[in-house]
PDB file of N, CA and C in Angstrom:
ATOM      1  N   MET A   1       0.812  -1.141  -0.037  1.00  0.00           N
ATOM      2  CA  MET A   1      -0.010  -0.135   0.136  1.00  0.00           C
ATOM      3  C   MET A   1       0.718   1.382  -0.125  1.00  0.00           C
ATOM      4  N   PRO A   2       0.691   2.209  -0.981  1.00  0.00           N
ATOM      5  CA  PRO A   2       1.465   3.476  -0.770  1.00  0.00           C
ATOM      6  C   PRO A   2       1.269   4.300   0.134  1.00  0.00           C
ATOM      7  N   GLN A   3       2.192   5.225   0.517  1.00  0.00           N
ATOM      8  CA  GLN A   3       2.206   6.057   1.696  1.00  0.00           C
ATOM      9  C   GLN A   3       1.396   7.285   1.068  1.00  0.00           C
ATOM     10  N   THR A   4       0.817   7.993   2.191  1.00  0.00           N
ATOM     11  CA  THR A   4       0.084   9.093   1.437  1.00  0.00           C
ATOM     12  C   THR A   4       0.540  10.277   2.386  1.00  0.00           C
ATOM     13  N   VAL A   5       1.031  11.450   1.740  1.00  0.00           N
ATOM     14  CA  VAL A   5       1.180  12.660   2.394  1.00  0.00           C
ATOM     15  C   VAL A   5       0.349  13.752   1.763  1.00  0.00           C
ATOM     16  N   TYR A   6       0.100  14.861   2.573  1.00  0.00           N
ATOM     17  CA  TYR A   6      -0.846  15.881   2.101  1.00  0.00           C
ATOM     18  C   TYR A   6      -0.117  17.140   1.895  1.00  0.00           C
ATOM     19  N   ARG A   7      -0.427  18.016   0.955  1.00  0.00           N
ATOM     20  CA  ARG A   7       0.065  19.282   0.942  1.00  0.00           C
ATOM     21  C   ARG A   7      -0.802  20.317   1.783  1.00  0.00           C
ATOM     22  N   ARG A   8      -0.619  21.268   2.195  1.00  0.00           N
ATOM     23  CA  ARG A   8      -1.316  22.276   2.942  1.00  0.00           C
ATOM     24  C   ARG A   8      -2.105  23.096   1.758  1.00  0.00           C
ATOM     25  N   PRO A   9      -3.330  23.137   1.994  1.00  0.00           N
ATOM     26  CA  PRO A   9      -4.333  23.750   1.151  1.00  0.00           C
ATOM     27  C   PRO A   9      -4.074  25.238   1.262  1.00  0.00           C
ATOM     28  N   TRP A  10      -3.498  25.824   2.063  1.00  0.00           N
ATOM     29  CA  TRP A  10      -3.292  27.434   1.989  1.00  0.00           C
ATOM     30  C   TRP A  10      -1.757  27.774   2.261  1.00  0.00           C
ATOM     31  N   PRO A  11      -1.401  29.002   2.007  1.00  0.00           N
ATOM     32  CA  PRO A  11      -0.036  29.248   2.231  1.00  0.00           C
ATOM     33  C   PRO A  11       0.090  29.711   3.785  1.00  0.00           C
ATOM     34  N   GLN A  12       1.416  29.324   4.139  1.00  0.00           N
ATOM     35  CA  GLN A  12       1.473  29.438   5.734  1.00  0.00           C
ATOM     36  C   GLN A  12       1.452  30.974   6.183  1.00  0.00           C
ATOM     37  N   TRP A  13       1.692  31.838   5.243  1.00  0.00           N
ATOM     38  CA  TRP A  13       1.728  33.126   5.649  1.00  0.00           C
ATOM     39  C   TRP A  13       0.212  33.554   5.998  1.00  0.00           C
ATOM     40  N   LEU A  14      -0.639  32.981   5.494  1.00  0.00           N
ATOM     41  CA  LEU A  14      -2.217  33.175   5.568  1.00  0.00           C
ATOM     42  C   LEU A  14      -2.415  33.404   7.155  1.00  0.00           C
ATOM     43  N   ILE A  15      -1.973  32.293   7.862  1.00  0.00           N
ATOM     44  CA  ILE A  15      -2.118  32.148   9.255  1.00  0.00           C
ATOM     45  C   ILE A  15      -1.725  33.400  10.052  1.00  0.00           C
ATOM     46  N   LEU A  16      -0.612  33.700   9.865  1.00  0.00           N
ATOM     47  CA  LEU A  16      -0.176  35.049  10.475  1.00  0.00           C
ATOM     48  C   LEU A  16      -0.885  36.248  10.123  1.00  0.00           C
ATOM     49  N   ALA A  17      -1.137  36.402   8.705  1.00  0.00           N
ATOM     50  CA  ALA A  17      -1.833  37.472   8.181  1.00  0.00           C
ATOM     51  C   ALA A  17      -3.209  37.784   8.756  1.00  0.00           C
ATOM     52  N   LEU A  18      -3.716  36.594   9.301  1.00  0.00           N
ATOM     53  CA  LEU A  18      -5.179  36.619  10.022  1.00  0.00           C
ATOM     54  C   LEU A  18      -5.044  36.847  11.368  1.00  0.00           C
ATOM     55  N   SER A  19      -4.122  35.938  11.937  1.00  0.00           N
ATOM     56  CA  SER A  19      -4.083  35.889  13.441  1.00  0.00           C
ATOM     57  C   SER A  19      -3.503  37.066  14.181  1.00  0.00           C
ATOM     58  N   LEU A  20      -2.501  37.745  13.357  1.00  0.00           N
ATOM     59  CA  LEU A  20      -1.518  38.740  14.208  1.00  0.00           C
ATOM     60  C   LEU A  20      -2.622  39.903  14.262  1.00  0.00           C
ATOM     61  N   PRO A  21      -3.550  40.387  13.144  1.00  0.00           N
ATOM     62  CA  PRO A  21      -4.135  41.529  13.588  1.00  0.00           C
ATOM     63  C   PRO A  21      -5.378  41.399  14.430  1.00  0.00           C
ATOM     64  N   LEU A  22      -6.003  40.142  14.198  1.00  0.00           N
ATOM     65  CA  LEU A  22      -6.982  39.785  15.225  1.00  0.00           C
ATOM     66  C   LEU A  22      -6.623  39.624  16.615  1.00  0.00           C
ATOM     67  N   SER A  23      -5.366  39.203  16.904  1.00  0.00           N
ATOM     68  CA  SER A  23      -4.808  39.205  18.234  1.00  0.00           C
ATOM     69  C   SER A  23      -4.529  40.606  18.729  1.00  0.00           C
ATOM     70  N   ALA A  24      -3.832  41.456  17.858  1.00  0.00           N
ATOM     71  CA  ALA A  24      -3.577  42.815  18.136  1.00  0.00           C
ATOM     72  C   ALA A  24      -4.879  43.778  18.616  1.00  0.00           C
ATOM     73  N   THR A  25      -6.082  43.462  17.760  1.00  0.00           N
ATOM     74  CA  THR A  25      -7.185  44.074  17.984  1.00  0.00           C
ATOM     75  C   THR A  25      -7.680  43.582  19.417  1.00  0.00           C
ATOM     76  N   TRP A  26      -7.732  42.164  19.510  1.00  0.00           N
ATOM     77  CA  TRP A  26      -8.124  41.725  20.857  1.00  0.00           C
ATOM     78  C   TRP A  26      -7.555  42.534  22.064  1.00  0.00           C
ATOM     79  N   VAL A  27      -6.371  42.380  22.034  1.00  0.00           N
ATOM     80  CA  VAL A  27      -5.567  43.146  23.068  1.00  0.00           C
ATOM     81  C   VAL A  27      -5.686  44.578  23.272  1.00  0.00           C
ATOM     82  N   ILE A  28      -5.856  45.246  22.148  1.00  0.00           N
ATOM     83  CA  ILE A  28      -6.269  46.754  22.172  1.00  0.00           C
ATOM     84  C   ILE A  28      -7.661  46.876  22.743  1.00  0.00           C
ATOM     85  N   LEU A  29      -8.643  46.125  22.322  1.00  0.00           N
ATOM     86  CA  LEU A  29      -9.693  46.303  22.828  1.00  0.00           C
ATOM     87  C   LEU A  29     -10.179  45.883  24.386  1.00  0.00           C
ATOM     88  N   ILE A  30      -9.465  44.801  24.902  1.00  0.00           N
ATOM     89  CA  ILE A  30      -9.198  44.453  26.209  1.00  0.00           C
ATOM     90  C   ILE A  30      -8.749  45.694  27.037  1.00  0.00           C
ATOM     91  N   SER A  31      -7.691  46.212  26.592  1.00  0.00           N
ATOM     92  CA  SER A  31      -7.135  47.491  27.211  1.00  0.00           C
ATOM     93  C   SER A  31      -7.805  48.686  27.272  1.00  0.00           C
ATOM     94  N   LEU A  32      -8.765  48.864  26.187  1.00  0.00           N
ATOM     95  CA  LEU A  32      -9.348  50.091  26.297  1.00  0.00           C
ATOM     96  C   LEU A  32     -10.784  49.947  26.850  1.00  0.00           C
ATOM     97  N   GLN A  33     -11.507  48.722  26.502  1.00  0.00           N
ATOM     98  CA  GLN A  33     -12.912  48.536  27.140  1.00  0.00           C
ATOM     99  C   GLN A  33     -13.029  47.575  28.153  1.00  0.00           C
ATOM    100  N   GLY A  34     -12.078  46.822  28.354  1.00  0.00           N
ATOM    101  CA  GLY A  34     -12.258  45.699  29.344  1.00  0.00           C
ATOM    102  C   GLY A  34     -12.563  44.261  28.745  1.00  0.00           C
ATOM    103  N   ALA A  35     -12.121  43.343  29.580  1.00  0.00           N
ATOM    104  CA  ALA A  35     -12.345  41.997  29.061  1.00  0.00           C
ATOM    105  C   ALA A  35     -13.878  41.745  28.900  1.00  0.00           C
ATOM    106  N   ALA A  36     -14.772  42.345  29.443  1.00  0.00           N
ATOM    107  CA  ALA A  36     -16.239  41.878  29.524  1.00  0.00           C
ATOM    108  C   ALA A  36     -16.973  42.659  28.494  1.00  0.00           C
ATOM    109  N   SER A  37     -16.341  43.424  27.522  1.00  0.00           N
ATOM    110  CA  SER A  37     -16.951  44.123  26.457  1.00  0.00           C
ATOM    111  C   SER A  37     -17.224  43.056  25.397  1.00  0.00           C
ATOM    112  N   GLN A  38     -18.280  43.331  24.764  1.00  0.00           N
ATOM    113  CA  GLN A  38     -18.904  42.356  23.754  1.00  0.00           C
ATOM    114  C   GLN A  38     -18.007  42.174  22.628  1.00  0.00           C
ATOM    115  N   SER A  39     -17.519  43.556  22.018  1.00  0.00           N
ATOM    116  CA  SER A  39     -16.652  43.521  20.914  1.00  0.00           C
ATOM    117  C   SER A  39     -15.241  42.772  21.293  1.00  0.00           C
ATOM    118  N   ALA A  40     -14.710  42.882  22.481  1.00  0.00           N
ATOM    119  CA  ALA A  40     -13.549  42.121  22.747  1.00  0.00           C
ATOM    120  C   ALA A  40     -14.016  40.623  22.856  1.00  0.00           C
ATOM    121  N   MET A  41     -15.018  40.219  23.229  1.00  0.00           N
ATOM    122  CA  MET A  41     -15.367  38.788  23.317  1.00  0.00           C
ATOM    123  C   MET A  41     -15.500  38.185  21.837  1.00  0.00           C
ATOM    124  N   ILE A  42     -16.245  38.937  21.021  1.00  0.00           N
ATOM    125  CA  ILE A  42     -16.340  38.631  19.503  1.00  0.00           C
ATOM    126  C   ILE A  42     -15.017  38.550  18.722  1.00  0.00           C
ATOM    127  N   VAL A  43     -14.084  39.402  18.919  1.00  0.00           N
ATOM    128  CA  VAL A  43     -12.786  39.433  18.306  1.00  0.00           C
ATOM    129  C   VAL A  43     -11.937  38.321  18.893  1.00  0.00           C
ATOM    130  N   GLY A  44     -12.114  38.197  20.220  1.00  0.00           N
ATOM    131  CA  GLY A  44     -11.250  36.998  20.842  1.00  0.00           C
ATOM    132  C   GLY A  44     -11.785  35.676  20.423  1.00  0.00           C
ATOM    133  N   ALA A  45     -13.297  35.423  20.268  1.00  0.00           N
ATOM    134  CA  ALA A  45     -13.779  34.124  19.846  1.00  0.00           C
ATOM    135  C   ALA A  45     -13.138  34.035  18.372  1.00  0.00           C
ATOM    136  N   THR A  46     -13.271  34.977  17.748  1.00  0.00           N
ATOM    137  CA  THR A  46     -13.034  34.798  15.911  1.00  0.00           C
ATOM    138  C   THR A  46     -11.512  34.506  16.008  1.00  0.00           C
ATOM    139  N   ASP A  47     -10.672  34.943  16.821  1.00  0.00           N
ATOM    140  CA  ASP A  47      -9.306  34.827  16.747  1.00  0.00           C
ATOM    141  C   ASP A  47      -9.184  33.356  17.111  1.00  0.00           C
ATOM    142  N   ILE A  48      -9.581  32.994  18.152  1.00  0.00           N
ATOM    143  CA  ILE A  48      -9.268  31.410  18.775  1.00  0.00           C
ATOM    144  C   ILE A  48      -9.883  30.429  17.786  1.00  0.00           C
ATOM    145  N   LEU A  49     -11.221  30.738  17.090  1.00  0.00           N
ATOM    146  CA  LEU A  49     -11.858  29.812  16.109  1.00  0.00           C
ATOM    147  C   LEU A  49     -10.946  29.683  15.075  1.00  0.00           C
ATOM    148  N   ALA A  50     -10.257  30.958  14.437  1.00  0.00           N
ATOM    149  CA  ALA A  50      -9.483  30.783  13.208  1.00  0.00           C
ATOM    150  C   ALA A  50      -8.284  29.875  13.651  1.00  0.00           C
ATOM    151  N   LEU A  51      -7.690  30.150  14.607  1.00  0.00           N
ATOM    152  CA  LEU A  51      -6.508  29.303  15.089  1.00  0.00           C
ATOM    153  C   LEU A  51      -6.727  27.822  15.198  1.00  0.00           C
ATOM    154  N   LEU A  52      -7.903  27.523  15.686  1.00  0.00           N
ATOM    155  CA  LEU A  52      -8.497  26.088  15.920  1.00  0.00           C
ATOM    156  C   LEU A  52      -8.648  25.604  14.394  1.00  0.00           C
ATOM    157  N   VAL A  53      -9.376  26.220  13.437  1.00  0.00           N
ATOM    158  CA  VAL A  53      -9.533  25.686  12.242  1.00  0.00           C
ATOM    159  C   VAL A  53      -8.407  25.591  11.620  1.00  0.00           C
ATOM    160  N   PHE A  54      -7.478  26.423  11.566  1.00  0.00           N
ATOM    161  CA  PHE A  54      -6.328  26.308  10.923  1.00  0.00           C
ATOM    162  C   PHE A  54      -5.412  24.920  11.430  1.00  0.00           C
ATOM    163  N   THR A  55      -5.589  24.828  12.790  1.00  0.00           N
ATOM    164  CA  THR A  55      -4.711  23.826  13.395  1.00  0.00           C
ATOM    165  C   THR A  55      -5.284  22.297  13.075  1.00  0.00           C
ATOM    166  N   VAL A  56      -6.573  22.368  13.114  1.00  0.00           N
ATOM    167  CA  VAL A  56      -7.379  20.935  12.772  1.00  0.00           C
ATOM    168  C   VAL A  56      -7.158  20.585  11.278  1.00  0.00           C
ATOM    169  N   PHE A  57      -7.348  21.697  10.442  1.00  0.00           N
ATOM    170  CA  PHE A  57      -7.177  21.191   8.971  1.00  0.00           C
ATOM    171  C   PHE A  57      -5.640  21.157   8.529  1.00  0.00           C
ATOM    172  N   ASP A  58      -4.814  21.396   9.385  1.00  0.00           N
ATOM    173  CA  ASP A  58      -3.308  21.249   8.794  1.00  0.00           C
ATOM    174  C   ASP A  58      -2.953  19.948   8.672  1.00  0.00           C
ATOM    175  N   PRO A  59      -2.224  19.649   7.504  1.00  0.00           N
ATOM    176  CA  PRO A  59      -1.893  18.150   7.458  1.00  0.00           C
ATOM    177  C   PRO A  59      -0.741  17.771   8.444  1.00  0.00           C
ATOM    178  N   ASP A  60      -0.059  18.745   9.067  1.00  0.00           N
ATOM    179  CA  ASP A  60       0.997  18.399  10.068  1.00  0.00           C
ATOM    180  C   ASP A  60       0.318  18.142  11.476  1.00  0.00           C
ATOM    181  N   THR A  61      -0.929  18.247  11.578  1.00  0.00           N
ATOM    182  CA  THR A  61      -1.411  17.957  12.697  1.00  0.00           C
ATOM    183  C   THR A  61      -1.771  16.433  12.609  1.00  0.00           C
ATOM    184  N   THR A  62      -1.117  15.637  13.177  1.00  0.00           N
ATOM    185  CA  THR A  62      -1.251  14.027  12.992  1.00  0.00           C
ATOM    186  C   THR A  62      -1.336  13.378  14.332  1.00  0.00           C
ATOM    187  N   ILE A  63      -1.994  12.119  14.305  1.00  0.00           N
ATOM    188  CA  ILE A  63      -1.957  11.132  15.387  1.00  0.00           C
ATOM    189  C   ILE A  63      -0.913  10.075  15.007  1.00  0.00           C
ATOM    190  N   THR A  64      -0.125   9.944  15.991  1.00  0.00           N
ATOM    191  CA  THR A  64       0.977   8.865  15.788  1.00  0.00           C
ATOM    192  C   THR A  64       0.759   7.649  16.507  1.00  0.00           C
ATOM    193  N   SER A  65       0.838   6.489  15.756  1.00  0.00           N
ATOM    194  CA  SER A  65       0.441   5.191  16.479  1.00  0.00           C
ATOM    195  C   SER A  65       1.507   4.049  16.013  1.00  0.00           C
ATOM    196  N   ARG A  66       1.444   3.009  16.318  1.00  0.00           N
ATOM    197  CA  ARG A  66       2.211   1.728  15.910  1.00  0.00           C
ATOM    198  C   ARG A  66       1.350   0.890  15.183  1.00  0.00           C
ATOM    199  N   LYS A  67       1.991   0.235  14.283  1.00  0.00           N
ATOM    200  CA  LYS A  67       1.372  -0.726  13.314  1.00  0.00           C
ATOM    201  C   LYS A  67       2.194  -1.953  12.970  1.00  0.00           C
ATOM    202  N   VAL A  68       1.774  -3.084  13.139  1.00  0.00           N
ATOM    203  CA  VAL A  68       2.559  -4.073  12.483  1.00  0.00           C
ATOM    204  C   VAL A  68       2.336  -4.458  11.063  1.00  0.00           C
ATOM    205  N   LEU A  69       3.475  -4.551  10.371  1.00  0.00           N
ATOM    206  CA  LEU A  69       3.338  -4.787   9.047  1.00  0.00           C
ATOM    207  C   LEU A  69       3.046  -6.507   8.793  1.00  0.00           C
ATOM    208  N   PRO A  70       2.581  -6.580   7.479  1.00  0.00           N
ATOM    209  CA  PRO A  70       2.512  -8.093   7.338  1.00  0.00           C
ATOM    210  C   PRO A  70       3.688  -9.056   7.506  1.00  0.00           C
ATOM    211  N   ASP A  71       4.932  -8.358   7.317  1.00  0.00           N
ATOM    212  CA  ASP A  71       5.919  -9.369   7.652  1.00  0.00           C
ATOM    213  C   ASP A  71       6.556  -9.315   9.182  1.00  0.00           C
ATOM    214  N   GLY A  72       5.562  -8.728  10.015  1.00  0.00           N
ATOM    215  CA  GLY A  72       5.718  -8.728  11.461  1.00  0.00           C
ATOM    216  C   GLY A  72       6.746  -7.700  12.076  1.00  0.00           C
ATOM    217  N   THR A  73       7.049  -6.596  11.334  1.00  0.00           N
ATOM    218  CA  THR A  73       7.891  -5.596  11.843  1.00  0.00           C
ATOM    219  C   THR A  73       6.904  -4.390  12.108  1.00  0.00           C
ATOM    220  N   PRO A  74       7.115  -3.980  13.354  1.00  0.00           N
ATOM    221  CA  PRO A  74       6.439  -2.893  13.894  1.00  0.00           C
ATOM    222  C   PRO A  74       7.012  -1.629  13.471  1.00  0.00           C
ATOM    223  N   VAL A  75       6.210  -0.617  12.900  1.00  0.00           N
ATOM    224  CA  VAL A  75       6.574   0.615  12.491  1.00  0.00           C
ATOM    225  C   VAL A  75       5.745   1.701  13.226  1.00  0.00           C
ATOM    226  N   LYS A  76       6.185   3.017  13.344  1.00  0.00           N
ATOM    227  CA  LYS A  76       5.383   4.229  13.637  1.00  0.00           C
ATOM    228  C   LYS A  76       4.711   4.630  12.598  1.00  0.00           C
ATOM    229  N   VAL A  77       3.505   5.014  12.696  1.00  0.00           N
ATOM    230  CA  VAL A  77       2.717   5.478  11.612  1.00  0.00           C
ATOM    231  C   VAL A  77       1.969   6.879  12.017  1.00  0.00           C
ATOM    232  N   ARG A  78       2.098   7.742  11.110  1.00  0.00           N
ATOM    233  CA  ARG A  78       1.513   9.096  11.193  1.00  0.00           C
ATOM    234  C   ARG A  78       0.070   9.176  10.187  1.00  0.00           C
ATOM    235  N   ARG A  79      -0.947   9.736  10.781  1.00  0.00           N
ATOM    236  CA  ARG A  79      -2.004   9.933   9.942  1.00  0.00           C
ATOM    237  C   ARG A  79      -2.648  11.274  10.405  1.00  0.00           C
ATOM    238  N   PRO A  80      -2.984  12.122   9.440  1.00  0.00           N
ATOM    239  CA  PRO A  80      -3.363  13.531   9.822  1.00  0.00           C
ATOM    240  C   PRO A  80      -4.997  13.211  10.215  1.00  0.00           C
ATOM    241  N   LEU A  81      -5.483  14.243  10.792  1.00  0.00           N
ATOM    242  CA  LEU A  81      -6.679  14.250  11.283  1.00  0.00           C
ATOM    243  C   LEU A  81      -7.784  14.317  10.205  1.00  0.00           C
ATOM    244  N   ILE A  82      -7.581  15.380   9.275  1.00  0.00           N
ATOM    245  CA  ILE A  82      -8.356  15.723   8.190  1.00  0.00           C
ATOM    246  C   ILE A  82      -7.335  15.846   7.091  1.00  0.00           C
ATOM    247  N   GLY A  83      -7.738  15.252   5.968  1.00  0.00           N
ATOM    248  CA  GLY A  83      -7.060  15.619   4.639  1.00  0.00           C
ATOM    249  C   GLY A  83      -7.941  15.743   3.408  1.00  0.00           C
ATOM    250  N   PHE A  84      -7.483  16.695   2.602  1.00  0.00           N
ATOM    251  CA  PHE A  84      -8.159  16.989   1.373  1.00  0.00           C
ATOM    252  C   PHE A  84      -7.763  15.858   0.388  1.00  0.00           C
ATOM    253  N   LYS A  85      -8.724  15.246  -0.361  1.00  0.00           N
ATOM    254  CA  LYS A  85      -8.277  14.144  -1.461  1.00  0.00           C
ATOM    255  C   LYS A  85      -7.551  15.042  -2.485  1.00  0.00           C
ATOM    256  N   ARG A  86      -7.897  16.187  -2.966  1.00  0.00           N
ATOM    257  CA  ARG A  86      -7.182  16.842  -4.169  1.00  0.00           C
ATOM    258  C   ARG A  86      -5.846  17.310  -3.581  1.00  0.00           C
ATOM    259  N   HIS A  87      -5.399  17.399  -2.498  1.00  0.00           N
ATOM    260  CA  HIS A  87      -4.121  17.805  -1.956  1.00  0.00           C
ATOM    261  C   HIS A  87      -3.216  16.358  -1.536  1.00  0.00           C
ATOM    262  N   GLU A  88      -3.675  15.276  -1.882  1.00  0.00           N
ATOM    263  CA  GLU A  88      -2.990  13.942  -1.554  1.00  0.00           C
ATOM    264  C   GLU A  88      -1.932  13.737  -2.444  1.00  0.00           C
ATOM    265  N   MET A  89      -0.662  13.239  -2.045  1.00  0.00           N
ATOM    266  CA  MET A  89       0.487  12.908  -2.770  1.00  0.00           C
ATOM    267  C   MET A  89       0.893  11.514  -2.421  1.00  0.00           C
ATOM    268  N   PRO A  90       0.524  10.586  -3.278  1.00  0.00           N
ATOM    269  CA  PRO A  90       0.940   9.207  -2.821  1.00  0.00           C
ATOM    270  C   PRO A  90       2.570   8.958  -2.996  1.00  0.00           C
ATOM    271  N   LEU A  91       3.152   8.171  -2.166  1.00  0.00           N
ATOM    272  CA  LEU A  91       4.521   7.933  -2.211  1.00  0.00           C
ATOM    273  C   LEU A  91       4.740   6.476  -2.287  1.00  0.00           C
ATOM    274  N   GLY A  92       5.797   6.055  -2.902  1.00  0.00           N
ATOM    275  CA  GLY A  92       5.927   4.644  -2.827  1.00  0.00           C
ATOM    276  C   GLY A  92       4.898   3.727  -3.704  1.00  0.00           C
ATOM    277  N   LEU A  93       4.495   4.055  -4.998  1.00  0.00           N
ATOM    278  CA  LEU A  93       3.515   3.482  -5.643  1.00  0.00           C
ATOM    279  C   LEU A  93       3.757   2.106  -6.009  1.00  0.00           C
ATOM    280  N   THR A  94       4.815   1.622  -5.720  1.00  0.00           N
ATOM    281  CA  THR A  94       5.214   0.171  -5.990  1.00  0.00           C
ATOM    282  C   THR A  94       4.466  -0.753  -4.711  1.00  0.00           C
ATOM    283  N   GLY A  95       4.072  -0.095  -3.779  1.00  0.00           N
ATOM    284  CA  GLY A  95       3.433  -0.847  -2.690  1.00  0.00           C
ATOM    285  C   GLY A  95       4.285  -1.272  -1.497  1.00  0.00           C
ATOM    286  N   GLY A  96       5.396  -0.550  -1.635  1.00  0.00           N
ATOM    287  CA  GLY A  96       6.548  -0.779  -0.495  1.00  0.00           C
ATOM    288  C   GLY A  96       6.095  -0.397   0.740  1.00  0.00           C
ATOM    289  N   TYR A  97       6.600  -1.137   1.871  1.00  0.00           N
ATOM    290  CA  TYR A  97       6.309  -0.737   3.205  1.00  0.00           C
ATOM    291  C   TYR A  97       7.231  -0.025   3.883  1.00  0.00           C
ATOM    292  N   GLU A  98       8.313   0.638   2.956  1.00  0.00           N
ATOM    293  CA  GLU A  98       9.434   1.459   3.599  1.00  0.00           C
ATOM    294  C   GLU A  98       8.949   2.495   4.505  1.00  0.00           C
ATOM    295  N   VAL A  99       9.905   2.802   5.364  1.00  0.00           N
ATOM    296  CA  VAL A  99       9.673   3.767   6.394  1.00  0.00           C
ATOM    297  C   VAL A  99      10.397   4.976   5.955  1.00  0.00           C
ATOM    298  N   ARG A 100       9.815   6.196   5.957  1.00  0.00           N
ATOM    299  CA  ARG A 100      10.500   7.434   5.562  1.00  0.00           C
ATOM    300  C   ARG A 100      11.670   7.724   6.309  1.00  0.00           C
ATOM    301  N   ILE A 101      12.402   8.785   5.826  1.00  0.00           N
ATOM    302  CA  ILE A 101      13.792   8.887   6.265  1.00  0.00           C
ATOM    303  C   ILE A 101      13.592   9.625   7.799  1.00  0.00           C
ATOM    304  N   ASP A 102      12.451  10.096   8.176  1.00  0.00           N
ATOM    305  CA  ASP A 102      12.174  10.671   9.620  1.00  0.00           C
ATOM    306  C   ASP A 102      11.556   9.357  10.578  1.00  0.00           C
ATOM    307  N   GLY A 103      11.671   8.306  10.172  1.00  0.00           N
ATOM    308  CA  GLY A 103      11.172   7.147  10.953  1.00  0.00           C
ATOM    309  C   GLY A 103       9.758   6.794  11.066  1.00  0.00           C
ATOM    310  N   PHE A 104       8.974   7.478  10.229  1.00  0.00           N
ATOM    311  CA  PHE A 104       7.504   7.206  10.185  1.00  0.00           C
ATOM    312  C   PHE A 104       6.974   6.466   8.748  1.00  0.00           C
ATOM    313  N   ARG A 105       5.902   6.044   8.974  1.00  0.00           N
ATOM    314  CA  ARG A 105       5.280   5.573   7.656  1.00  0.00           C
ATOM    315  C   ARG A 105       3.918   6.544   7.673  1.00  0.00           C
ATOM    316  N   TYR A 106       3.645   7.026   6.370  1.00  0.00           N
ATOM    317  CA  TYR A 106       2.316   7.942   6.481  1.00  0.00           C
ATOM    318  C   TYR A 106       1.284   7.271   5.771  1.00  0.00           C
ATOM    319  N   GLU A 107       0.155   7.349   6.446  1.00  0.00           N
ATOM    320  CA  GLU A 107      -1.152   6.749   5.919  1.00  0.00           C
ATOM    321  C   GLU A 107      -2.322   7.782   5.658  1.00  0.00           C
ATOM    322  N   PRO A 108      -3.254   7.534   4.860  1.00  0.00           N
ATOM    323  CA  PRO A 108      -4.268   8.442   4.527  1.00  0.00           C
ATOM    324  C   PRO A 108      -4.864   9.004   5.916  1.00  0.00           C
ATOM    325  N   ALA A 109      -5.528  10.224   5.700  1.00  0.00           N
ATOM    326  CA  ALA A 109      -6.014  10.804   6.938  1.00  0.00           C
ATOM    327  C   ALA A 109      -7.084  10.068   7.417  1.00  0.00           C
ATOM    328  N   TYR A 110      -7.563  10.261   8.632  1.00  0.00           N
ATOM    329  CA  TYR A 110      -8.694   9.770   9.410  1.00  0.00           C
ATOM    330  C   TYR A 110      -9.967  10.132   8.597  1.00  0.00           C
ATOM    331  N   ILE A 111     -10.226  11.604   8.285  1.00  0.00           N
ATOM    332  CA  ILE A 111     -11.507  12.047   7.523  1.00  0.00           C
ATOM    333  C   ILE A 111     -10.735  12.425   6.198  1.00  0.00           C
ATOM    334  N   ARG A 112     -11.238  12.060   5.167  1.00  0.00           N
ATOM    335  CA  ARG A 112     -10.834  12.741   3.726  1.00  0.00           C
ATOM    336  C   ARG A 112     -11.782  13.200   3.267  1.00  0.00           C
ATOM    337  N   ILE A 113     -11.786  14.790   2.924  1.00  0.00           N
ATOM    338  CA  ILE A 113     -12.759  15.251   2.266  1.00  0.00           C
ATOM    339  C   ILE A 113     -12.521  15.600   0.776  1.00  0.00           C
TER     340      ILE A 113
END
């Protein structure tokens, strides 16, 4: 079975471009209006939600487990939580069970969209 890795569906700078202004606005609103103000809560919730979405959908957010191959060798396996089918990149199309240079074998995501 070939290994599967995923490309990130957005550029990395996008996370900073969204999170930094939201975080700065949140801090400014808290210092000017107080933490109990409605606008500070909305901006803070939006910032936290954006970071959570980027973290969950990031292909580098993986669950690591162990698996025993058909030949009896145990290997460490990494599987992303969520992966986009159009961003899949199969590796080792020959069906090899080789382990990558980082010591892990990569398998398809738990949830494929």
